[in-house]
Amino acid sequence: MAVTSSRRRLSTIAAAAEYASCSPKTIRRRISDGSLTGYRMGSRLIRIDLDELDQLLRPIPTGGAAGGRGC
């Protein structure tokens, strides 16, 4: 029987903010609005799964050739 394990890459709020090049307030807002899960360790420590943070990143669509206009 195969055992699969999915390990989380847990990080502090400050380290997650640095990883994503944003403010710790932004990470806290994402936890508050439900788009990012915060994991509590004990009564005060909060950790963020960096893989989940990566999933929030989305590419910005560009006009490219579909716009039909030149520069």
PDB file of N, CA and C in Angstrom:
ATOM      1  N   MET A   1       0.840  -1.177   0.000  1.00  0.00           N
ATOM      2  CA  MET A   1       0.000   0.000   0.000  1.00  0.00           C
ATOM      3  C   MET A   1       0.884   1.239   0.000  1.00  0.00           C
ATOM      4  N   ALA A   2       0.682   2.110  -0.962  1.00  0.00           N
ATOM      5  CA  ALA A   2       1.495   3.315  -1.072  1.00  0.00           C
ATOM      6  C   ALA A   2       0.927   4.414  -0.187  1.00  0.00           C
ATOM      7  N   VAL A   3       1.811   5.099   0.480  1.00  0.00           N
ATOM      8  CA  VAL A   3       1.408   6.214   1.326  1.00  0.00           C
ATOM      9  C   VAL A   3       1.853   7.498   0.649  1.00  0.00           C
ATOM     10  N   THR A   4       0.897   8.365   0.401  1.00  0.00           N
ATOM     11  CA  THR A   4       1.241   9.650  -0.198  1.00  0.00           C
ATOM     12  C   THR A   4       1.204  10.711   0.889  1.00  0.00           C
ATOM     13  N   SER A   5       2.178  11.565   0.867  1.00  0.00           N
ATOM     14  CA  SER A   5       2.185  12.643   1.846  1.00  0.00           C
ATOM     15  C   SER A   5       2.356  13.960   1.109  1.00  0.00           C
ATOM     16  N   SER A   6       1.569  14.905   1.502  1.00  0.00           N
ATOM     17  CA  SER A   6       1.718  16.236   0.926  1.00  0.00           C
ATOM     18  C   SER A   6       2.213  17.136   2.049  1.00  0.00           C
ATOM     19  N   ARG A   7       3.446  17.523   1.926  1.00  0.00           N
ATOM     20  CA  ARG A   7       4.057  18.366   2.948  1.00  0.00           C
ATOM     21  C   ARG A   7       3.791  19.817   2.624  1.00  0.00           C
ATOM     22  N   ARG A   8       3.469  20.545   3.627  1.00  0.00           N
ATOM     23  CA  ARG A   8       3.254  21.979   3.465  1.00  0.00           C
ATOM     24  C   ARG A   8       4.573  22.700   3.657  1.00  0.00           C
ATOM     25  N   ARG A   9       4.750  23.768   2.892  1.00  0.00           N
ATOM     26  CA  ARG A   9       5.905  24.655   3.084  1.00  0.00           C
ATOM     27  C   ARG A   9       5.417  25.821   3.932  1.00  0.00           C
ATOM     28  N   LEU A  10       5.459  25.659   5.242  1.00  0.00           N
ATOM     29  CA  LEU A  10       4.928  26.671   6.145  1.00  0.00           C
ATOM     30  C   LEU A  10       5.940  27.769   6.397  1.00  0.00           C
ATOM     31  N   SER A  11       5.423  28.988   6.494  1.00  0.00           N
ATOM     32  CA  SER A  11       6.274  30.155   6.669  1.00  0.00           C
ATOM     33  C   SER A  11       5.567  31.158   7.575  1.00  0.00           C
ATOM     34  N   THR A  12       6.334  32.040   8.172  1.00  0.00           N
ATOM     35  CA  THR A  12       5.744  33.120   8.951  1.00  0.00           C
ATOM     36  C   THR A  12       5.084  34.121   8.005  1.00  0.00           C
ATOM     37  N   ILE A  13       4.259  34.990   8.563  1.00  0.00           N
ATOM     38  CA  ILE A  13       3.624  36.026   7.750  1.00  0.00           C
ATOM     39  C   ILE A  13       4.688  36.937   7.136  1.00  0.00           C
ATOM     40  N   ALA A  14       5.668  37.336   7.939  1.00  0.00           N
ATOM     41  CA  ALA A  14       6.725  38.224   7.442  1.00  0.00           C
ATOM     42  C   ALA A  14       7.520  37.565   6.317  1.00  0.00           C
ATOM     43  N   ALA A  15       7.876  36.303   6.487  1.00  0.00           N
ATOM     44  CA  ALA A  15       8.652  35.602   5.459  1.00  0.00           C
ATOM     45  C   ALA A  15       7.807  35.371   4.203  1.00  0.00           C
ATOM     46  N   ALA A  16       6.516  35.094   4.374  1.00  0.00           N
ATOM     47  CA  ALA A  16       5.628  34.909   3.224  1.00  0.00           C
ATOM     48  C   ALA A  16       5.489  36.218   2.447  1.00  0.00           C
ATOM     49  N   ALA A  17       5.416  37.332   3.167  1.00  0.00           N
ATOM     50  CA  ALA A  17       5.328  38.640   2.515  1.00  0.00           C
ATOM     51  C   ALA A  17       6.602  38.935   1.733  1.00  0.00           C
ATOM     52  N   GLU A  18       7.733  38.618   2.312  1.00  0.00           N
ATOM     53  CA  GLU A  18       9.010  38.827   1.611  1.00  0.00           C
ATOM     54  C   GLU A  18       9.088  37.932   0.379  1.00  0.00           C
ATOM     55  N   TYR A  19       8.657  36.686   0.523  1.00  0.00           N
ATOM     56  CA  TYR A  19       8.647  35.724  -0.582  1.00  0.00           C
ATOM     57  C   TYR A  19       7.804  36.252  -1.750  1.00  0.00           C
ATOM     58  N   ALA A  20       6.651  36.878  -1.431  1.00  0.00           N
ATOM     59  CA  ALA A  20       5.744  37.370  -2.460  1.00  0.00           C
ATOM     60  C   ALA A  20       5.999  38.835  -2.824  1.00  0.00           C
ATOM     61  N   SER A  21       7.018  39.422  -2.235  1.00  0.00           N
ATOM     62  CA  SER A  21       7.345  40.831  -2.467  1.00  0.00           C
ATOM     63  C   SER A  21       6.147  41.746  -2.211  1.00  0.00           C
ATOM     64  N   CYS A  22       5.535  41.549  -1.050  1.00  0.00           N
ATOM     65  CA  CYS A  22       4.415  42.393  -0.662  1.00  0.00           C
ATOM     66  C   CYS A  22       4.521  42.697   0.835  1.00  0.00           C
ATOM     67  N   SER A  23       3.565  43.404   1.343  1.00  0.00           N
ATOM     68  CA  SER A  23       3.542  43.788   2.745  1.00  0.00           C
ATOM     69  C   SER A  23       2.928  42.668   3.596  1.00  0.00           C
ATOM     70  N   PRO A  24       3.381  42.535   4.843  1.00  0.00           N
ATOM     71  CA  PRO A  24       2.706  41.588   5.751  1.00  0.00           C
ATOM     72  C   PRO A  24       1.212  41.911   5.902  1.00  0.00           C
ATOM     73  N   LYS A  25       0.856  43.201   5.775  1.00  0.00           N
ATOM     74  CA  LYS A  25      -0.565  43.570   5.838  1.00  0.00           C
ATOM     75  C   LYS A  25      -1.354  42.927   4.702  1.00  0.00           C
ATOM     76  N   THR A  26      -0.731  42.816   3.533  1.00  0.00           N
ATOM     77  CA  THR A  26      -1.394  42.182   2.390  1.00  0.00           C
ATOM     78  C   THR A  26      -1.660  40.715   2.688  1.00  0.00           C
ATOM     79  N   ILE A  27      -0.696  40.033   3.283  1.00  0.00           N
ATOM     80  CA  ILE A  27      -0.879  38.622   3.646  1.00  0.00           C
ATOM     81  C   ILE A  27      -2.007  38.503   4.662  1.00  0.00           C
ATOM     82  N   ARG A  28      -2.025  39.373   5.661  1.00  0.00           N
ATOM     83  CA  ARG A  28      -3.094  39.354   6.677  1.00  0.00           C
ATOM     84  C   ARG A  28      -4.462  39.629   6.049  1.00  0.00           C
ATOM     85  N   ARG A  29      -4.518  40.539   5.069  1.00  0.00           N
ATOM     86  CA  ARG A  29      -5.782  40.825   4.380  1.00  0.00           C
ATOM     87  C   ARG A  29      -6.270  39.601   3.619  1.00  0.00           C
ATOM     88  N   ARG A  30      -5.350  38.898   2.967  1.00  0.00           N
ATOM     89  CA  ARG A  30      -5.736  37.690   2.218  1.00  0.00           C
ATOM     90  C   ARG A  30      -6.263  36.607   3.157  1.00  0.00           C
ATOM     91  N   ILE A  31      -5.690  36.504   4.340  1.00  0.00           N
ATOM     92  CA  ILE A  31      -6.206  35.549   5.336  1.00  0.00           C
ATOM     93  C   ILE A  31      -7.608  35.991   5.762  1.00  0.00           C
ATOM     94  N   SER A  32      -7.766  37.284   6.006  1.00  0.00           N
ATOM     95  CA  SER A  32      -9.043  37.826   6.462  1.00  0.00           C
ATOM     96  C   SER A  32     -10.155  37.650   5.428  1.00  0.00           C
ATOM     97  N   ASP A  33      -9.828  37.846   4.135  1.00  0.00           N
ATOM     98  CA  ASP A  33     -10.870  37.726   3.107  1.00  0.00           C
ATOM     99  C   ASP A  33     -11.085  36.276   2.657  1.00  0.00           C
ATOM    100  N   GLY A  34     -10.281  35.360   3.184  1.00  0.00           N
ATOM    101  CA  GLY A  34     -10.485  33.942   2.898  1.00  0.00           C
ATOM    102  C   GLY A  34      -9.769  33.423   1.670  1.00  0.00           C
ATOM    103  N   SER A  35      -9.020  34.277   0.984  1.00  0.00           N
ATOM    104  CA  SER A  35      -8.332  33.805  -0.221  1.00  0.00           C
ATOM    105  C   SER A  35      -7.022  33.080   0.107  1.00  0.00           C
ATOM    106  N   LEU A  36      -6.581  33.168   1.356  1.00  0.00           N
ATOM    107  CA  LEU A  36      -5.371  32.484   1.812  1.00  0.00           C
ATOM    108  C   LEU A  36      -5.659  31.912   3.197  1.00  0.00           C
ATOM    109  N   THR A  37      -5.219  30.690   3.432  1.00  0.00           N
ATOM    110  CA  THR A  37      -5.453  30.045   4.714  1.00  0.00           C
ATOM    111  C   THR A  37      -4.300  30.331   5.661  1.00  0.00           C
ATOM    112  N   GLY A  38      -4.621  30.766   6.853  1.00  0.00           N
ATOM    113  CA  GLY A  38      -3.623  30.918   7.908  1.00  0.00           C
ATOM    114  C   GLY A  38      -3.738  29.726   8.841  1.00  0.00           C
ATOM    115  N   TYR A  39      -2.614  29.196   9.240  1.00  0.00           N
ATOM    116  CA  TYR A  39      -2.587  28.043  10.143  1.00  0.00           C
ATOM    117  C   TYR A  39      -2.040  28.499  11.485  1.00  0.00           C
ATOM    118  N   ARG A  40      -2.838  28.333  12.524  1.00  0.00           N
ATOM    119  CA  ARG A  40      -2.419  28.759  13.850  1.00  0.00           C
ATOM    120  C   ARG A  40      -1.642  27.642  14.535  1.00  0.00           C
ATOM    121  N   MET A  41      -0.518  28.030  15.116  1.00  0.00           N
ATOM    122  CA  MET A  41       0.303  27.113  15.920  1.00  0.00           C
ATOM    123  C   MET A  41       0.348  27.703  17.322  1.00  0.00           C
ATOM    124  N   GLY A  42      -0.350  27.085  18.247  1.00  0.00           N
ATOM    125  CA  GLY A  42      -0.420  27.647  19.584  1.00  0.00           C
ATOM    126  C   GLY A  42      -1.403  28.806  19.597  1.00  0.00           C
ATOM    127  N   SER A  43      -1.233  29.694  20.551  1.00  0.00           N
ATOM    128  CA  SER A  43      -2.193  30.784  20.683  1.00  0.00           C
ATOM    129  C   SER A  43      -1.826  32.016  19.852  1.00  0.00           C
ATOM    130  N   ARG A  44      -0.563  32.141  19.443  1.00  0.00           N
ATOM    131  CA  ARG A  44      -0.143  33.363  18.760  1.00  0.00           C
ATOM    132  C   ARG A  44       0.487  33.155  17.385  1.00  0.00           C
ATOM    133  N   LEU A  45       1.164  32.062  17.189  1.00  0.00           N
ATOM    134  CA  LEU A  45       1.911  31.868  15.945  1.00  0.00           C
ATOM    135  C   LEU A  45       0.987  31.525  14.776  1.00  0.00           C
ATOM    136  N   ILE A  46       1.172  32.237  13.685  1.00  0.00           N
ATOM    137  CA  ILE A  46       0.405  31.980  12.462  1.00  0.00           C
ATOM    138  C   ILE A  46       1.387  31.627  11.360  1.00  0.00           C
ATOM    139  N   ARG A  47       1.061  30.607  10.599  1.00  0.00           N
ATOM    140  CA  ARG A  47       1.910  30.173   9.494  1.00  0.00           C
ATOM    141  C   ARG A  47       1.098  30.158   8.210  1.00  0.00           C
ATOM    142  N   ILE A  48       1.801  30.352   7.086  1.00  0.00           N
ATOM    143  CA  ILE A  48       1.211  30.392   5.756  1.00  0.00           C
ATOM    144  C   ILE A  48       1.860  29.304   4.920  1.00  0.00           C
ATOM    145  N   ASP A  49       1.059  28.599   4.132  1.00  0.00           N
ATOM    146  CA  ASP A  49       1.581  27.593   3.207  1.00  0.00           C
ATOM    147  C   ASP A  49       2.012  28.311   1.925  1.00  0.00           C
ATOM    148  N   LEU A  50       3.307  28.291   1.630  1.00  0.00           N
ATOM    149  CA  LEU A  50       3.826  28.994   0.461  1.00  0.00           C
ATOM    150  C   LEU A  50       3.285  28.430  -0.845  1.00  0.00           C
ATOM    151  N   ASP A  51       2.957  27.146  -0.878  1.00  0.00           N
ATOM    152  CA  ASP A  51       2.366  26.567  -2.088  1.00  0.00           C
ATOM    153  C   ASP A  51       0.989  27.183  -2.350  1.00  0.00           C
ATOM    154  N   GLU A  52       0.237  27.420  -1.291  1.00  0.00           N
ATOM    155  CA  GLU A  52      -1.069  28.060  -1.431  1.00  0.00           C
ATOM    156  C   GLU A  52      -0.903  29.518  -1.887  1.00  0.00           C
ATOM    157  N   LEU A  53       0.115  30.174  -1.368  1.00  0.00           N
ATOM    158  CA  LEU A  53       0.414  31.542  -1.786  1.00  0.00           C
ATOM    159  C   LEU A  53       0.767  31.582  -3.272  1.00  0.00           C
ATOM    160  N   ASP A  54       1.541  30.616  -3.731  1.00  0.00           N
ATOM    161  CA  ASP A  54       1.883  30.529  -5.159  1.00  0.00           C
ATOM    162  C   ASP A  54       0.629  30.412  -6.028  1.00  0.00           C
ATOM    163  N   GLN A  55      -0.378  29.711  -5.537  1.00  0.00           N
ATOM    164  CA  GLN A  55      -1.603  29.509  -6.307  1.00  0.00           C
ATOM    165  C   GLN A  55      -2.411  30.795  -6.469  1.00  0.00           C
ATOM    166  N   LEU A  56      -2.169  31.787  -5.618  1.00  0.00           N
ATOM    167  CA  LEU A  56      -2.863  33.066  -5.750  1.00  0.00           C
ATOM    168  C   LEU A  56      -2.327  33.894  -6.917  1.00  0.00           C
ATOM    169  N   LEU A  57      -1.102  33.627  -7.320  1.00  0.00           N
ATOM    170  CA  LEU A  57      -0.485  34.394  -8.396  1.00  0.00           C
ATOM    171  C   LEU A  57      -1.095  34.000  -9.738  1.00  0.00           C
ATOM    172  N   ARG A  58      -1.460  35.021 -10.504  1.00  0.00           N
ATOM    173  CA  ARG A  58      -2.044  34.783 -11.819  1.00  0.00           C
ATOM    174  C   ARG A  58      -1.350  35.674 -12.841  1.00  0.00           C
ATOM    175  N   PRO A  59      -1.113  35.159 -14.022  1.00  0.00           N
ATOM    176  CA  PRO A  59      -0.485  35.994 -15.052  1.00  0.00           C
ATOM    177  C   PRO A  59      -1.446  37.092 -15.512  1.00  0.00           C
ATOM    178  N   ILE A  60      -0.881  38.211 -15.879  1.00  0.00           N
ATOM    179  CA  ILE A  60      -1.672  39.316 -16.403  1.00  0.00           C
ATOM    180  C   ILE A  60      -1.795  39.114 -17.908  1.00  0.00           C
ATOM    181  N   PRO A  61      -3.041  39.064 -18.424  1.00  0.00           N
ATOM    182  CA  PRO A  61      -3.193  38.889 -19.870  1.00  0.00           C
ATOM    183  C   PRO A  61      -2.696  40.124 -20.614  1.00  0.00           C
ATOM    184  N   THR A  62      -2.060  39.889 -21.733  1.00  0.00           N
ATOM    185  CA  THR A  62      -1.565  40.995 -22.548  1.00  0.00           C
ATOM    186  C   THR A  62      -2.327  41.024 -23.857  1.00  0.00           C
ATOM    187  N   GLY A  63      -2.324  42.175 -24.501  1.00  0.00           N
ATOM    188  CA  GLY A  63      -3.016  42.327 -25.769  1.00  0.00           C
ATOM    189  C   GLY A  63      -2.393  41.503 -26.861  1.00  0.00           C
ATOM    190  N   GLY A  64      -1.043  41.496 -26.888  1.00  0.00           N
ATOM    191  CA  GLY A  64      -0.323  40.723 -27.900  1.00  0.00           C
ATOM    192  C   GLY A  64      -0.828  41.006 -29.301  1.00  0.00           C
ATOM    193  N   ALA A  65      -0.817  40.021 -30.163  1.00  0.00           N
ATOM    194  CA  ALA A  65      -1.239  40.171 -31.559  1.00  0.00           C
ATOM    195  C   ALA A  65      -2.766  40.174 -31.671  1.00  0.00           C
ATOM    196  N   ALA A  66      -3.457  39.743 -30.630  1.00  0.00           N
ATOM    197  CA  ALA A  66      -4.916  39.661 -30.704  1.00  0.00           C
ATOM    198  C   ALA A  66      -5.549  41.038 -30.831  1.00  0.00           C
ATOM    199  N   GLY A  67      -4.855  42.084 -30.355  1.00  0.00           N
ATOM    200  CA  GLY A  67      -5.415  43.428 -30.414  1.00  0.00           C
ATOM    201  C   GLY A  67      -5.428  43.993 -31.823  1.00  0.00           C
ATOM    202  N   GLY A  68      -4.513  43.553 -32.663  1.00  0.00           N
ATOM    203  CA  GLY A  68      -4.484  43.995 -34.045  1.00  0.00           C
ATOM    204  C   GLY A  68      -3.881  45.378 -34.252  1.00  0.00           C
ATOM    205  N   ARG A  69      -3.432  46.017 -33.184  1.00  0.00           N
ATOM    206  CA  ARG A  69      -2.851  47.355 -33.327  1.00  0.00           C
ATOM    207  C   ARG A  69      -1.340  47.275 -33.200  1.00  0.00           C
ATOM    208  N   GLY A  70      -0.654  48.088 -33.943  1.00  0.00           N
ATOM    209  CA  GLY A  70       0.794  48.178 -33.843  1.00  0.00           C
ATOM    210  C   GLY A  70       1.193  49.205 -32.792  1.00  0.00           C
ATOM    211  N   CYS A  71       2.466  49.238 -32.464  1.00  0.00           N
ATOM    212  CA  CYS A  71       2.964  50.219 -31.488  1.00  0.00           C
ATOM    213  C   CYS A  71       3.259  51.532 -32.120  1.00  0.00           C
TER     214      CYS A  71
END
